[in-house]
C-alpha atoms as a PDB file:
ATOM      1  CA  MET A   1      11.374  13.403   1.159  1.00  0.00           C
ATOM      2  CA  SER A   2      11.905  15.181  -2.135  1.00  0.00           C
ATOM      3  CA  SER A   3       8.987  16.679  -3.990  1.00  0.00           C
ATOM      4  CA  ASP A   4       9.688  14.442  -6.989  1.00  0.00           C
ATOM      5  CA  HIS A   5       9.607  11.322  -4.812  1.00  0.00           C
ATOM      6  CA  GLN A   6       6.343  12.402  -3.203  1.00  0.00           C
ATOM      7  CA  ASP A   7       4.854  13.150  -6.637  1.00  0.00           C
ATOM      8  CA  LYS A   8       5.709   9.605  -7.771  1.00  0.00           C
ATOM      9  CA  ARG A   9       4.121   8.134  -4.614  1.00  0.00           C
ATOM     10  CA  LEU A  10       0.950  10.146  -5.188  1.00  0.00           C
ATOM     11  CA  ALA A  11       0.785   9.044  -8.820  1.00  0.00           C
ATOM     12  CA  MET A  12       1.251   5.398  -7.786  1.00  0.00           C
ATOM     13  CA  ALA A  13      -1.504   5.761  -5.191  1.00  0.00           C
ATOM     14  CA  GLU A  14      -3.874   7.264  -7.765  1.00  0.00           C
ATOM     15  CA  ARG A  15      -3.186   4.430 -10.233  1.00  0.00           C
ATOM     16  CA  LEU A  16      -3.663   1.779  -7.573  1.00  0.00           C
ATOM     17  CA  GLU A  17      -6.955   3.278  -6.433  1.00  0.00           C
ATOM     18  CA  ALA A  18      -8.216   3.603 -10.023  1.00  0.00           C
ATOM     19  CA  GLU A  19      -7.222   0.047 -10.957  1.00  0.00           C
ATOM     20  CA  SER A  20      -8.448  -1.634  -7.782  1.00  0.00           C
ATOM     21  CA  ASP A  21     -11.465   0.471  -6.752  1.00  0.00           C
ATOM     22  CA  ARG A  22     -10.003   0.564  -3.214  1.00  0.00           C
ATOM     23  CA  THR A  23      -8.471   3.543  -1.467  1.00  0.00           C
ATOM     24  CA  LEU A  24      -5.109   3.259   0.249  1.00  0.00           C
ATOM     25  CA  GLU A  25      -6.920   3.388   3.566  1.00  0.00           C
ATOM     26  CA  GLN A  26      -9.145   0.480   2.496  1.00  0.00           C
ATOM     27  CA  TRP A  27      -6.085  -1.517   1.470  1.00  0.00           C
ATOM     28  CA  ALA A  28      -4.402  -0.713   4.791  1.00  0.00           C
ATOM     29  CA  GLU A  29      -7.499  -1.860   6.688  1.00  0.00           C
ATOM     30  CA  LEU A  30      -7.517  -5.078   4.672  1.00  0.00           C
ATOM     31  CA  VAL A  31      -3.926  -5.789   5.760  1.00  0.00           C
ATOM     32  CA  ARG A  32      -4.748  -4.862   9.359  1.00  0.00           C
ATOM     33  CA  SER A  33      -7.760  -7.186   9.449  1.00  0.00           C
ATOM     34  CA  SER A  34      -5.751 -10.025   7.869  1.00  0.00           C
ATOM     35  CA  GLY A  35      -3.693 -10.384  11.032  1.00  0.00           C
ATOM     36  CA  GLN A  36      -0.370  -9.864   9.267  1.00  0.00           C
ATOM     37  CA  ASP A  37       2.287  -8.954  11.807  1.00  0.00           C
ATOM     38  CA  GLY A  38       4.997  -6.614  10.620  1.00  0.00           C
ATOM     39  CA  PHE A  39       5.776  -4.439   7.654  1.00  0.00           C
ATOM     40  CA  MET A  40       7.318  -7.057   5.372  1.00  0.00           C
ATOM     41  CA  ALA A  41       4.689  -9.662   6.287  1.00  0.00           C
ATOM     42  CA  GLY A  42       2.044  -7.231   5.067  1.00  0.00           C
ATOM     43  CA  VAL A  43       3.989  -6.573   1.870  1.00  0.00           C
ATOM     44  CA  ALA A  44       4.402 -10.295   1.190  1.00  0.00           C
ATOM     45  CA  TRP A  45       0.710 -10.967   1.904  1.00  0.00           C
ATOM     46  CA  LEU A  46      -0.456  -8.222  -0.470  1.00  0.00           C
ATOM     47  CA  LYS A  47       1.791  -9.586  -3.198  1.00  0.00           C
ATOM     48  CA  SER A  48       0.823 -13.229  -2.765  1.00  0.00           C
ATOM     49  CA  GLU A  49      -2.875 -12.885  -1.952  1.00  0.00           C
ATOM     50  CA  HIS A  50      -3.795  -9.884  -4.099  1.00  0.00           C
ATOM     51  CA  GLY A  51      -1.198  -9.956  -6.882  1.00  0.00           C
ATOM     52  CA  LEU A  52       0.106  -6.477  -6.178  1.00  0.00           C
ATOM     53  CA  GLY A  53       3.533  -5.374  -7.282  1.00  0.00           C
ATOM     54  CA  HIS A  54       6.284  -4.846  -4.742  1.00  0.00           C
ATOM     55  CA  PHE A  55       6.137  -1.052  -4.755  1.00  0.00           C
ATOM     56  CA  GLN A  56       2.338  -0.981  -4.584  1.00  0.00           C
ATOM     57  CA  ALA A  57       2.435  -3.326  -1.597  1.00  0.00           C
ATOM     58  CA  ARG A  58       5.139  -1.257   0.114  1.00  0.00           C
ATOM     59  CA  LEU A  59       3.128   1.914  -0.403  1.00  0.00           C
ATOM     60  CA  ILE A  60       0.121   0.346   1.325  1.00  0.00           C
ATOM     61  CA  ALA A  61       2.293  -0.988   4.158  1.00  0.00           C
ATOM     62  CA  GLU A  62       3.806   2.466   4.624  1.00  0.00           C
ATOM     63  CA  VAL A  63       0.336   4.007   4.893  1.00  0.00           C
ATOM     64  CA  LEU A  64      -0.578   1.370   7.468  1.00  0.00           C
ATOM     65  CA  ARG A  65       2.653   1.972   9.430  1.00  0.00           C
ATOM     66  CA  ASP A  66       2.779   5.777   9.176  1.00  0.00           C
ATOM     67  CA  GLY A  67      -0.929   6.601   9.081  1.00  0.00           C
ATOM     68  CA  HIS A  68      -0.586   8.735   5.934  1.00  0.00           C
ATOM     69  CA  LEU A  69       0.858   8.808   2.435  1.00  0.00           C
END
């Protein structure tokens, strides 16, 4: 992953945490505890239930899947 791409992901994570008062790990735990099965199911749930944008939801799902940013 390029440094520029990683910088954009970090900036998105910082904005999400500042705007929502939840860390990425807290968001990931919320998806895990919701019972959503699969990457795209988690993305769709975050978008529909919490009003997140597509890229914010994907970022959270990636943290859940990969265990890190």
